[in-house]
Each structure stands twice: as C-alpha cells, then as structure tokens.
Protein backbone atom coordinates (compact mmCIF):
# COMPACT_ATOMS: atom_id res chain seq x y z
CA MET A 1 0.15 0.07 -0.20
CA LEU A 2 2.74 2.05 1.31
CA LEU A 3 5.16 1.51 -2.41
CA LEU A 4 1.75 2.50 -4.87
CA LEU A 5 1.19 5.55 -2.39
CA LEU A 6 4.71 6.21 -3.36
CA SER A 7 3.97 5.40 -6.81
CA VAL A 8 1.14 7.71 -7.06
CA ILE A 9 2.85 11.06 -5.43
CA VAL A 10 5.96 10.60 -7.89
CA VAL A 11 3.50 10.31 -10.76
CA LEU A 12 2.05 13.62 -9.65
CA LEU A 13 5.04 15.20 -8.63
CA LEU A 14 6.05 14.54 -11.78
CA LEU A 15 2.62 15.57 -13.87
CA VAL A 16 3.63 19.14 -12.20
CA SER A 17 6.36 19.21 -13.00
CA TRP A 18 5.69 18.31 -16.91
CA ILE A 19 2.35 20.77 -17.05
CA ARG A 20 4.40 23.29 -15.81
CA LEU A 21 7.61 23.18 -18.05
CA VAL A 22 4.52 23.01 -20.96
CA SER A 23 3.03 26.00 -19.61
CA GLU A 24 5.78 28.34 -19.51
CA SER A 25 7.10 27.01 -22.50
CA THR A 26 4.33 28.56 -24.25
CA ARG A 27 4.13 31.61 -22.52
CA ILE A 28 7.26 32.33 -24.04
CA ASN A 29 6.50 33.02 -28.25
CA VAL A 30 9.62 30.82 -29.58
CA ARG A 31 10.03 27.10 -30.95
CA GLY A 32 12.24 24.40 -29.15
CA PRO A 33 11.94 20.71 -28.31
CA LEU A 34 9.22 19.85 -26.03
CA PRO A 35 10.65 19.12 -22.05
CA ILE A 36 9.95 16.24 -20.15
CA PRO A 37 9.24 15.83 -16.62
CA LEU A 38 12.27 17.23 -13.86
CA LEU A 39 15.10 17.58 -17.09
CA GLY A 40 13.02 20.12 -19.25
CA ASN A 41 15.90 19.17 -21.68
CA ALA A 42 18.98 18.80 -20.29
CA HIS A 43 19.21 15.61 -21.14
CA LEU A 44 19.39 16.70 -25.05
CA PHE A 45 22.93 18.73 -23.65
CA VAL A 46 24.48 15.52 -22.38
CA VAL A 47 27.55 16.33 -24.74
CA LYS A 48 31.70 16.47 -24.35
CA SER A 49 31.78 20.16 -24.56
CA SER A 50 33.82 20.27 -28.09
CA GLU A 51 30.05 19.48 -29.55
CA PHE A 52 28.10 22.06 -28.09
CA LEU A 53 28.60 24.98 -30.34
CA ASN A 54 27.73 21.54 -32.99
CA LEU A 55 24.50 20.98 -31.30
CA LEU A 56 23.30 24.46 -30.91
CA HIS A 57 23.95 25.09 -34.91
CA LYS A 58 21.59 22.24 -34.95
CA PHE A 59 18.95 23.26 -32.54
CA THR A 60 19.33 26.13 -35.00
CA ILE A 61 18.62 24.83 -38.18
CA LYS A 62 15.86 22.84 -36.10
CA TYR A 63 13.76 25.99 -34.55
CA GLY A 64 15.63 29.36 -36.12
CA ASP A 65 17.17 32.41 -35.34
CA ALA A 66 15.82 32.23 -32.08
CA PHE A 67 14.62 28.52 -29.89
CA ARG A 68 13.75 27.72 -26.47
CA VAL A 69 15.40 24.79 -23.92
CA HIS A 70 14.84 24.00 -20.23
CA PHE A 71 18.00 23.01 -18.14
CA PHE A 72 15.99 21.81 -15.90
CA SER A 73 13.59 24.59 -14.37
CA THR A 74 14.90 27.15 -15.74
CA PRO A 75 14.10 28.45 -19.14
CA TYR A 76 16.51 29.75 -21.62
CA VAL A 77 16.13 31.72 -24.79
CA ILE A 78 19.16 30.53 -27.30
CA LEU A 79 18.74 33.99 -29.92
CA ASN A 80 21.46 33.72 -33.09
CA HIS A 81 20.23 36.98 -34.96
CA PRO A 82 21.11 40.99 -34.46
CA LYS A 83 17.52 41.22 -34.99
CA TYR A 84 16.86 40.15 -31.79
CA VAL A 85 19.72 40.95 -30.31
CA GLU A 86 19.77 44.54 -30.42
CA PRO A 87 17.29 45.17 -28.69
CA LEU A 88 18.31 43.55 -26.23
CA ILE A 89 22.43 44.62 -25.86
CA THR A 90 21.25 48.29 -26.40
CA SER A 91 18.69 48.17 -23.37
CA THR A 92 20.00 49.92 -20.06
CA GLU A 93 17.29 47.60 -18.13
CA TYR A 94 18.21 44.18 -19.38
CA ILE A 95 21.29 44.16 -17.62
CA THR A 96 21.57 42.00 -15.37
CA LYS A 97 23.89 38.91 -15.99
CA GLY A 98 22.06 34.94 -16.30
CA ARG A 99 22.60 32.28 -14.01
CA SER A 100 25.73 31.27 -15.25
CA TYR A 101 27.93 33.87 -13.95
CA ASN A 102 27.24 33.00 -11.02
CA PHE A 103 29.80 30.82 -10.56
CA LEU A 104 32.14 33.22 -10.72
CA THR A 105 31.16 35.52 -7.79
CA CYS A 106 33.14 33.40 -5.48
CA TRP A 107 36.05 34.22 -7.26
CA LEU A 108 35.46 37.68 -8.40
CA GLY A 109 32.14 38.68 -5.97
CA GLN A 110 30.58 42.16 -7.05
CA GLY A 111 32.85 42.91 -10.12
CA LEU A 112 32.31 44.23 -12.60
CA LEU A 113 31.30 41.25 -14.80
CA THR A 114 28.88 40.00 -12.05
CA SER A 115 27.07 43.34 -10.84
CA THR A 116 23.78 44.55 -11.94
CA GLY A 117 21.78 47.51 -10.68
CA GLN A 118 22.57 50.76 -9.50
CA ARG A 119 26.13 49.17 -8.66
CA TRP A 120 27.08 48.29 -11.51
CA LYS A 121 26.71 51.87 -13.41
CA THR A 122 28.23 53.60 -10.88
CA HIS A 123 31.31 51.28 -11.01
CA ARG A 124 31.61 51.06 -15.19
CA LYS A 125 31.30 55.36 -14.53
CA PHE A 126 34.16 55.26 -12.01
CA LEU A 127 36.62 52.78 -13.81
CA THR A 128 36.06 53.52 -17.83
CA PRO A 129 39.30 56.10 -17.04
CA ALA A 130 41.31 53.35 -16.90
CA PHE A 131 41.09 52.59 -20.39
CA HIS A 132 42.07 56.19 -21.41
CA PHE A 133 44.83 56.54 -24.25
CA ASN A 134 47.25 58.09 -21.31
CA ILE A 135 46.80 55.33 -19.02
CA LEU A 136 47.03 52.32 -22.16
CA GLN A 137 50.08 53.94 -23.33
CA ASN A 138 51.70 52.84 -19.64
CA PHE A 139 50.88 49.33 -20.63
CA LEU A 140 52.96 48.91 -24.22
CA PRO A 141 56.21 48.82 -22.64
CA VAL A 142 54.73 45.64 -20.05
CA PHE A 143 53.57 43.97 -23.67
CA CYS A 144 56.52 44.39 -25.06
CA LYS A 145 58.83 43.32 -22.29
CA ASN A 146 56.41 40.39 -21.92
CA GLN A 147 56.37 39.63 -25.36
CA ARG A 148 59.75 39.52 -25.79
CA VAL A 149 60.53 36.49 -23.24
CA LEU A 150 57.43 34.91 -25.45
CA THR A 151 59.41 35.14 -28.62
CA GLU A 152 62.37 33.38 -27.15
CA LYS A 153 60.88 30.81 -25.57
CA LEU A 154 58.92 30.11 -29.22
CA ARG A 155 62.24 30.46 -30.96
CA ASN A 156 63.71 26.88 -29.19
CA LEU A 157 60.52 25.61 -30.04
CA THR A 158 60.60 26.33 -33.89
CA ASP A 159 62.07 22.36 -34.56
CA ARG A 160 58.87 21.13 -33.58
CA SER A 161 56.00 19.16 -36.16
CA SER A 162 53.35 21.62 -33.94
CA ILE A 163 53.40 24.24 -30.86
CA ASP A 164 49.92 24.16 -28.67
CA MET A 165 50.15 27.40 -28.69
CA PHE A 166 47.40 28.19 -25.78
CA PRO A 167 48.57 27.85 -22.54
CA LEU A 168 52.57 29.31 -24.04
CA VAL A 169 50.49 32.82 -24.36
CA ALA A 170 47.90 32.10 -21.63
CA LEU A 171 51.02 32.65 -19.87
CA ALA A 172 52.48 35.45 -21.47
CA ALA A 173 48.64 37.08 -20.94
CA LEU A 174 48.98 36.80 -17.07
CA ASP A 175 52.00 38.83 -17.25
CA ASN A 176 50.49 41.77 -19.00
CA VAL A 177 47.80 41.76 -16.70
CA THR A 178 49.17 41.18 -13.58
CA GLU A 179 51.58 43.90 -13.99
CA SER A 180 49.34 46.16 -15.86
CA ILE A 181 46.47 45.76 -13.19
CA MET A 182 48.37 45.13 -9.90
CA GLY A 183 51.51 46.29 -11.23
CA VAL A 184 53.86 44.39 -9.87
CA CYS A 185 55.20 41.18 -12.20
CA VAL A 186 54.22 37.54 -10.96
CA ASP A 187 57.27 36.05 -14.12
CA ALA A 188 54.38 33.96 -14.77
CA GLN A 189 56.35 32.65 -18.13
CA LYS A 190 59.32 31.72 -15.55
CA HIS A 191 57.44 30.21 -13.02
CA SER A 192 54.44 28.56 -14.61
CA GLU A 193 54.42 26.23 -11.81
CA SER A 194 54.09 28.85 -9.10
CA GLU A 195 51.04 28.13 -6.68
CA TYR A 196 49.06 31.84 -8.09
CA VAL A 197 49.39 30.41 -11.93
CA LYS A 198 48.37 27.17 -10.94
CA SER A 199 45.74 28.53 -9.18
CA ILE A 200 43.72 30.54 -11.71
CA ASP A 201 44.29 27.32 -13.68
CA GLU A 202 42.66 25.61 -11.34
CA LEU A 203 39.90 27.62 -10.90
CA SER A 204 38.97 28.28 -14.36
CA GLY A 205 38.61 25.11 -14.75
CA ILE A 206 36.13 24.42 -12.01
CA VAL A 207 33.99 27.62 -13.00
CA SER A 208 33.76 25.92 -16.36
CA MET A 209 33.02 22.80 -15.78
CA ARG A 210 30.06 23.99 -13.48
CA MET A 211 28.75 25.72 -17.15
CA GLN A 212 28.93 22.26 -18.78
CA ILE A 213 27.59 19.87 -16.69
CA PRO A 214 24.47 20.92 -15.29
CA ILE A 215 23.81 19.15 -12.15
CA LEU A 216 27.34 20.49 -10.99
CA GLY A 217 25.78 23.81 -10.97
CA GLU A 218 23.56 22.86 -8.32
CA ASP A 219 25.38 24.17 -5.10
CA ALA A 220 23.50 21.09 -2.90
CA VAL A 221 25.44 18.97 -5.29
CA PHE A 222 28.55 20.75 -6.20
CA ASN A 223 29.46 21.50 -2.26
CA LEU A 224 29.14 17.35 -1.65
CA LEU A 225 31.66 17.13 -4.00
CA PRO A 226 35.84 17.63 -3.57
CA TYR A 227 35.65 20.15 -6.11
CA LYS A 228 34.14 22.46 -3.88
CA THR A 229 37.87 22.45 -1.56
CA ARG A 230 39.73 22.77 -4.47
CA GLN A 231 38.34 25.63 -5.09
CA ASP A 232 38.25 27.09 -1.96
CA LYS A 233 42.55 26.15 -1.96
CA ALA A 234 42.15 28.32 -5.04
CA LEU A 235 40.63 31.09 -3.88
CA LYS A 236 42.14 31.51 -0.69
CA VAL A 237 45.42 31.57 -2.77
CA LEU A 238 44.23 34.36 -5.35
CA HIS A 239 42.08 36.59 -2.84
CA GLU A 240 45.75 36.63 -0.45
CA GLN A 241 47.54 37.85 -3.53
CA THR A 242 45.21 40.09 -4.36
CA TYR A 243 45.19 41.30 -1.02
CA LYS A 244 48.46 41.81 -0.80
CA VAL A 245 49.10 44.28 -3.65
CA ILE A 246 46.38 45.98 -2.88
CA ASP A 247 47.56 46.95 1.07
CA ALA A 248 51.58 47.47 -0.22
CA ARG A 249 49.79 50.03 -3.04
CA ARG A 250 47.78 51.41 -0.30
CA GLU A 251 50.86 51.71 2.60
CA GLU A 252 52.94 53.19 -0.76
CA LEU A 253 49.95 56.38 -1.07
CA ARG A 254 49.92 57.34 2.55
CA LYS A 255 53.50 56.92 2.80
CA ALA A 256 53.51 60.12 -0.02
CA ASN A 257 50.53 61.72 1.55
CA ILE A 258 48.48 60.80 -1.68
CA THR A 259 44.99 60.80 -0.90
CA SER A 260 43.12 62.28 -3.87
CA LEU A 261 43.10 61.24 -7.38
CA ASP A 262 44.01 65.23 -8.05
CA ASN A 263 47.12 64.85 -6.07
CA SER A 264 47.83 61.91 -7.02
CA ASN A 265 51.22 63.23 -9.75
CA ASP A 266 50.07 61.44 -12.96
CA VAL A 267 46.89 58.63 -12.75
CA GLY A 268 48.63 58.22 -16.35
CA ILE A 269 52.19 57.71 -18.31
CA LYS A 270 54.40 57.59 -15.77
CA ASN A 271 52.40 55.61 -13.23
CA LYS A 272 52.76 51.72 -13.47
CA HIS A 273 49.76 51.38 -10.36
CA ALA A 274 47.06 54.28 -12.55
CA PHE A 275 44.04 50.94 -12.41
CA LEU A 276 45.26 50.24 -9.28
CA ASP A 277 45.31 53.98 -7.94
CA LEU A 278 42.23 54.79 -9.09
CA LEU A 279 40.20 52.26 -7.76
CA LEU A 280 42.10 53.08 -4.50
CA LEU A 281 41.85 56.71 -4.40
CA ALA A 282 38.24 57.24 -6.49
CA GLU A 283 35.16 57.85 -4.33
CA THR A 284 31.42 57.09 -4.98
CA ASP A 285 28.98 59.35 -3.01
CA GLY A 286 31.45 60.77 -1.53
CA LYS A 287 33.06 57.85 0.16
CA ARG A 288 35.93 55.80 -0.18
CA ILE A 289 35.59 52.10 -2.38
CA ASP A 290 35.88 49.35 0.24
CA ALA A 291 38.54 47.13 0.38
CA GLU A 292 36.56 43.70 -0.96
CA SER A 293 34.92 45.96 -3.61
CA VAL A 294 38.49 46.96 -4.71
CA ARG A 295 39.45 43.66 -4.92
CA GLU A 296 36.50 42.24 -6.35
CA GLU A 297 37.28 44.78 -9.77
CA VAL A 298 41.40 43.75 -9.16
CA ASP A 299 40.32 40.13 -10.33
CA THR A 300 37.28 40.82 -11.87
CA PHE A 301 39.91 42.54 -14.68
CA MET A 302 42.86 39.85 -13.84
CA PHE A 303 40.24 37.22 -15.00
CA GLU A 304 38.82 38.93 -17.96
CA GLY A 305 42.15 39.79 -19.51
CA HIS A 306 43.91 37.06 -19.10
CA ASP A 307 42.11 34.18 -20.98
CA THR A 308 40.40 36.46 -22.92
CA THR A 309 43.00 37.85 -24.86
CA THR A 310 44.74 34.57 -25.05
CA SER A 311 41.80 33.47 -27.38
CA GLY A 312 42.09 35.89 -29.60
CA ILE A 313 45.41 35.93 -29.67
CA VAL A 314 46.09 32.16 -30.50
CA TYR A 315 42.82 31.94 -33.25
CA SER A 316 44.69 34.27 -34.93
CA LEU A 317 48.09 32.96 -35.14
CA LEU A 318 45.57 29.51 -36.24
CA CYS A 319 44.08 31.75 -39.04
CA LEU A 320 47.34 33.63 -40.02
CA SER A 321 49.20 29.52 -39.93
CA GLN A 322 46.24 28.70 -42.69
CA HIS A 323 47.13 32.03 -45.20
CA ARG A 324 50.73 32.30 -46.21
CA ASP A 325 49.58 35.34 -48.29
CA VAL A 326 47.84 37.08 -45.43
CA GLN A 327 50.75 36.71 -42.97
CA ASP A 328 53.16 38.71 -46.35
CA LYS A 329 50.74 41.91 -46.01
CA ILE A 330 50.72 42.22 -43.03
CA TYR A 331 54.80 42.00 -42.82
CA ASP A 332 55.02 44.36 -45.66
CA GLU A 333 52.73 46.98 -43.64
CA LEU A 334 55.21 46.05 -40.45
CA LYS A 335 58.19 47.17 -42.96
CA THR A 336 56.65 50.56 -44.32
CA ILE A 337 56.11 51.13 -40.21
CA PHE A 338 59.04 49.48 -38.58
CA GLY A 339 61.69 50.94 -41.59
CA ASN A 340 65.43 49.04 -41.19
CA ASN A 341 64.97 48.36 -37.83
CA MET A 342 62.43 45.39 -36.97
CA ASN A 343 63.55 44.34 -34.09
CA ARG A 344 62.90 47.56 -31.75
CA ASP A 345 59.46 48.49 -30.24
CA PRO A 346 56.19 49.65 -31.68
CA THR A 347 55.22 53.19 -30.26
CA TYR A 348 51.72 53.98 -29.37
CA HIS A 349 51.41 55.74 -32.50
CA GLU A 350 52.42 52.90 -34.26
CA LEU A 351 50.44 50.44 -33.09
CA GLN A 352 47.40 52.60 -34.01
CA GLN A 353 48.82 52.51 -38.00
CA MET A 354 48.30 48.60 -38.02
CA LYS A 355 45.28 49.00 -40.06
CA TYR A 356 45.64 45.79 -41.88
CA LEU A 357 46.65 43.90 -38.81
CA GLU A 358 43.63 45.55 -37.28
CA LEU A 359 41.58 43.49 -40.11
CA VAL A 360 43.22 40.32 -39.17
CA ILE A 361 42.28 40.21 -35.63
CA LYS A 362 38.67 41.48 -36.63
CA GLU A 363 38.08 38.51 -38.59
CA SER A 364 39.51 36.48 -36.46
CA MET A 365 37.55 37.38 -34.04
CA ARG A 366 34.38 36.73 -36.27
CA LEU A 367 35.07 33.10 -37.41
CA TYR A 368 36.40 32.60 -33.51
CA PRO A 369 35.15 35.12 -30.53
CA PRO A 370 36.86 34.85 -27.52
CA VAL A 371 33.84 34.75 -25.66
CA PRO A 372 31.61 32.88 -27.98
CA LEU A 373 28.13 33.25 -25.55
CA ILE A 374 26.98 35.48 -23.60
CA GLU A 375 23.88 35.59 -20.98
CA ARG A 376 21.35 38.04 -19.56
CA ARG A 377 18.31 37.00 -16.61
CA MET A 378 15.22 38.24 -17.16
CA ILE A 379 14.74 39.38 -13.82
CA LYS A 380 10.62 39.47 -14.16
CA ASP A 381 7.92 38.85 -17.35
CA CYS A 382 8.71 41.27 -20.06
CA GLU A 383 8.34 42.05 -24.02
CA VAL A 384 12.39 42.86 -26.45
CA GLY A 385 11.76 43.42 -29.61
CA GLU A 386 9.86 40.79 -31.12
CA LEU A 387 10.00 38.19 -27.93
CA LYS A 388 8.02 37.08 -25.11
CA PHE A 389 10.11 36.19 -21.77
CA ILE A 390 9.26 35.17 -18.40
CA GLN A 391 10.70 35.78 -15.29
CA GLY A 392 13.94 33.67 -14.79
CA THR A 393 14.73 33.39 -18.60
CA SER A 394 18.44 33.65 -19.39
CA VAL A 395 18.42 34.70 -22.80
CA VAL A 396 22.14 32.93 -23.97
CA ILE A 397 23.32 35.41 -27.57
CA ASN A 398 25.55 33.33 -28.92
CA ILE A 399 28.03 35.30 -30.52
CA TYR A 400 29.96 32.37 -32.15
CA GLU A 401 26.05 31.63 -34.22
CA ILE A 402 25.75 34.98 -35.21
CA GLN A 403 28.95 36.08 -37.03
CA ARG A 404 28.79 32.53 -38.58
CA ASN A 405 25.67 33.10 -40.39
CA PRO A 406 25.02 33.12 -44.20
CA GLU A 407 22.83 35.55 -44.52
CA LEU A 408 24.96 38.10 -42.48
CA TYR A 409 27.87 37.29 -43.70
CA GLU A 410 29.36 35.91 -47.74
CA ASP A 411 30.91 32.32 -47.66
CA PRO A 412 30.96 33.14 -44.09
CA LEU A 413 33.31 30.00 -43.21
CA GLU A 414 36.29 31.99 -45.45
CA PHE A 415 38.87 34.27 -43.90
CA ARG A 416 38.73 37.19 -45.47
CA PRO A 417 39.92 40.02 -43.59
CA GLU A 418 38.96 42.53 -46.45
CA ARG A 419 35.30 42.33 -45.11
CA PHE A 420 36.33 44.71 -42.80
CA GLU A 421 37.59 47.50 -44.84
CA THR A 422 34.10 48.61 -45.57
CA PRO A 423 31.85 49.51 -42.40
CA LEU A 424 29.68 46.92 -41.71
CA LYS A 425 25.92 46.78 -42.88
CA ASN A 426 24.89 46.10 -38.91
CA PRO A 427 27.06 46.79 -36.58
CA PHE A 428 25.11 44.24 -34.11
CA ASN A 429 26.54 42.17 -36.67
CA TRP A 430 29.93 41.31 -35.13
CA LEU A 431 29.95 41.27 -31.41
CA ALA A 432 33.16 40.01 -30.62
CA PHE A 433 33.11 42.62 -27.97
CA SER A 434 29.90 42.68 -27.08
CA ALA A 435 27.72 46.49 -27.35
CA GLY A 436 25.60 48.85 -25.75
CA PRO A 437 26.08 49.05 -22.26
CA ARG A 438 27.69 46.51 -21.23
CA ASN A 439 30.03 46.00 -24.54
CA CYS A 440 33.03 45.47 -23.16
CA ILE A 441 35.27 47.97 -20.95
CA GLY A 442 38.83 46.99 -21.53
CA GLN A 443 38.62 46.68 -25.96
CA LYS A 444 41.40 48.77 -26.39
CA PHE A 445 43.91 47.24 -23.71
CA ALA A 446 42.46 44.33 -25.90
CA MET A 447 43.37 45.24 -29.48
CA MET A 448 46.52 46.60 -28.28
CA GLU A 449 48.01 43.55 -26.56
CA LEU A 450 46.92 41.36 -29.74
CA LYS A 451 48.34 44.09 -31.80
CA VAL A 452 51.77 43.75 -29.87
CA THR A 453 51.53 40.21 -29.67
CA LEU A 454 50.85 39.36 -33.38
CA SER A 455 52.82 41.96 -34.90
CA GLU A 456 55.52 40.96 -33.16
CA MET A 457 54.76 36.85 -33.75
CA ILE A 458 54.42 38.42 -37.79
CA LYS A 459 58.41 40.27 -37.46
CA HIS A 460 59.92 36.45 -36.21
CA PHE A 461 58.20 34.29 -37.34
CA ILE A 462 56.66 32.22 -40.52
CA ILE A 463 53.81 30.68 -39.30
CA LEU A 464 52.71 27.27 -40.56
CA PRO A 465 50.05 25.19 -40.25
CA SER A 466 49.68 21.83 -38.27
CA HIS A 467 48.13 18.51 -39.05
CA ILE A 468 45.85 19.02 -35.50
CA GLN A 469 42.68 20.24 -35.90
CA PRO A 470 41.21 22.59 -32.94
CA GLU A 471 37.94 20.38 -31.45
CA LEU A 472 36.12 24.18 -30.72
CA SER A 473 34.95 24.14 -27.18
CA ALA A 474 32.87 26.78 -25.25
CA ASP A 475 34.06 26.91 -21.65
CA LEU A 476 34.80 30.59 -19.99
CA VAL A 477 35.79 31.20 -23.98
CA LEU A 478 36.23 29.73 -26.78
CA ARG A 479 39.08 27.28 -25.99
CA SER A 480 40.06 23.54 -27.87
CA LYS A 481 40.33 20.48 -25.95
CA ASN A 482 43.40 19.44 -28.11
CA GLY A 483 45.09 22.94 -28.27
CA VAL A 484 45.55 24.84 -31.00
CA HIS A 485 48.29 24.39 -32.85
CA VAL A 486 51.07 25.98 -35.21
CA LYS A 487 54.23 25.00 -36.69
CA LEU A 488 56.68 28.38 -36.67
CA MET A 489 59.83 28.99 -38.96
CA PRO A 490 62.17 31.56 -37.45
CA ARG A 491 62.10 34.69 -40.05
CA ASN A 492 65.89 36.42 -41.60
CA ASN A 493 65.61 40.44 -40.60
CA SER A 494 68.76 40.58 -40.76
C-alpha cells in the first residue's frame, strides 16, 4: 500500500512538473523541443564540450534564429540573429547577467562582470577612465617586455612539428594583465608552476565544468564533491595575493601622502599603478571604495584580461597559419612602419598605423570569438523586441553562430580580412566585444595587446599550419580540447 502511495505521489510530481514546464514554454513565443518532467531538456545537452557549439547549431537549423530550451526548471532562450539581439543588449534595463555568471561570484564577487543595477552603473562610470589612452600607453612597455620573453621561448620550439600555443600565450597574457592591473610582476612565463598561476588555472577549470555539466551547477551537489575543497584552496591563494598587492600599494600612497586622484601626480603614463590607484583613490557618493570592492574589481580584470586575450591571439595565429598571403601583407605593412629596424618595439602611435593587422584581428575574432556565448537574466516578465520572456529566463546570445551566419556574411567560413575595410551593414553583426552599455570596457586594452603580440610574431616567425585541427569548446572563453596548434619557422630579419 505504501509503495503504491509513493508511486502515485511520484507520478503526480512528475505530472505537475511537466505541466509547469509546458505552460512556461507556451508563454515564451519561440519554438523549441518539448520538455520532459523534471529534466526539461537537460538530457539533450549531455554531450562532450567539444560538441556543444555544434549542438546549438543543429537546434538553430531546426527551430530558427531564436529557440527555447529548459535546463531542469530554468527556461533558456538562445538568440542567433542581430534582429533579436540588438533590442536586448542596447537596453539599459536588461543588464543583469545570466545564471552561469553565478559560478564566478565566489572569485569575482560583485565586480564589473557580475554586478548589476546601480552598483554596476556606478563602478562602470568610475572605471572607464582606467582605459584612457594615457593609461594604455603606460602598459605598452609591459606588453613589449613580456612579448620578448615569449618570442625567446618560441625560438627554442621552432624545430617541433607542432606547438600548442594556448598555454604559452596564456602565461604571457597573465604577465601582461598582472603587471598592468596590479602593478606587480609575477613572471608567470618563468614560473609557470607557481601556486598563483596554478590556482588561476584550477579555478577556471572548475567554473567551466560547472557551466557545462548541469548537475554540477547545483550548489547542493557541488558542495558535496571534492571540487569544492579544491575551489576553496585556489580562491584562498588568489584572494590573498590580490589583498597583498592592494595593501602594499595603499601603504605606499599613505607614505607619499596621496589621498585623492587630484593630488596623485599622474594617473597616466608614468604611473605603473594607474589602474590600482584609480580604485584606491576614487570615491562614490563621497565615500572611498571599500577593500572588498577593490579586490573584486582587481580580480575581475585579472580574469577578464587574461583568458579572453589569449583566445583572441591563438585563434588569430591559427587563421594566419592557414593563409601565408595574409602574413605577407602584414609583414609588408610592418616594414613600412619599422623600416630597416624590425627588431625595435613599436610606439603607441605605430600600433594605430597597423590598419591591415586590425582587419585580420577582427576577421579572426569573427570566426573565433573569444567569448562565444554571453547571457542575460530576465528579472521580470517582459517583451524585448519581438520576443516575450518570463521572469527568470536566461537569454543566451550565441555570438559564435551570429558571426558565421550566411545571411550576414558572404561565404562565412572563409577567412577574408578585407570584409572589414568598409563598415558592416549592421554593427550588431559583429559582437566579439559585445555591444551596448555592457560592452567590453577593456577592448582597447585587448586590441593593443593583440597588435603587440601578433606583430612581433609576424616579425620574427613565419607561421605554418599544423596537422592538428582544434576541437572547439565553449568554456569561459573559446578553447580547444586538443589545443590550438601551429608550426613556427624563424624569419630572417637581418
């Protein structure tokens, strides 16, 4: 009797769950697969991470440029066309990031990437000057120094038939961002086994895993697993390092009797602590920013400025390896800029002259956007453009799919930098840095780093293709399960 009663209760629960999911599906005016009780459509996404983008592509073909799925009880709408994306990302109302970003809050807290509402608006406003060209110029010697280290490491690998560029470039990018944002050098390229470097890698891997495996996204499950202990250990290392740097700089400012941005001699070219000083000396509503908020913003830019630029660089190298003619055009452009002295560092002005290289970067980021998917969460029932959403819906903007759409680009899978010689018909056809009020605040920083790295690579090496094709994976950034491989041949610049 008891078994029968339990069976009836289970059946009723399944029925109620199914009716609720179906009801929600009908309230969202886009097509999608029929959900099943409890799971929704989560069972359809049990695939290898390298198959995830292909799975979304198949759903796009079947259901159209906007489709709906449920991960357990959470509705998701995936957008694959600018006509749906533009009204959403240009809005100043729908700025709350989606559920996937919750997995980053243990690391980044309420930094610029994860925060919303008035806090986000306030912090975005006072952080924008941190990327003024006066401050960006201060980072150029840092980028050039770290690129020289990378170049020398690569010279020792030119005899290999294939080089996985991702881990090598990632260490250089980490050196760039720590020295730029925190004003200290961790020498990640020389100390890749340091606890700090390994902790960043560990934490990135755990967060990516939680995003990909629906059941691990549930705190009740995740907190019971060994991953939680590993996450806590990595967080302790990262947060302690950030606080150490912040406290040291705060003490330097105190000793120098610098109490405001006005009497800070130069938050600009000569100040290697420009970003950190801006955080430590800025005020909101007449109050100094608290230590925890400073830590959150520093960690946010450490995270955002590390993996994303790495992805942008390595996939640009992949594209270049397959197009020797494009490399030759870049090299010719560099010769007109550097003349007979190809071994010297570029000036900030010379980076702006690298027009063709910029086209190459944009086309590479079209085919391989560093952040392939971004997400918003609807905090109320609403209509955005043609679409109806219910409260709690996570809306995913599939940048990877949009930028390969044959409606928007002729022969979209072909690598043609010249596409960007004239303005796009619709600027929302290219979203590598997102758009609207929550666009990438550090895009000029990223573009400068990409130009420094790629121009130096072209000056010193001919980039050749590898026989290993990448298995693309939409993690926190666009990665590859088997690495991003090229072969390098030294170039004779004498």
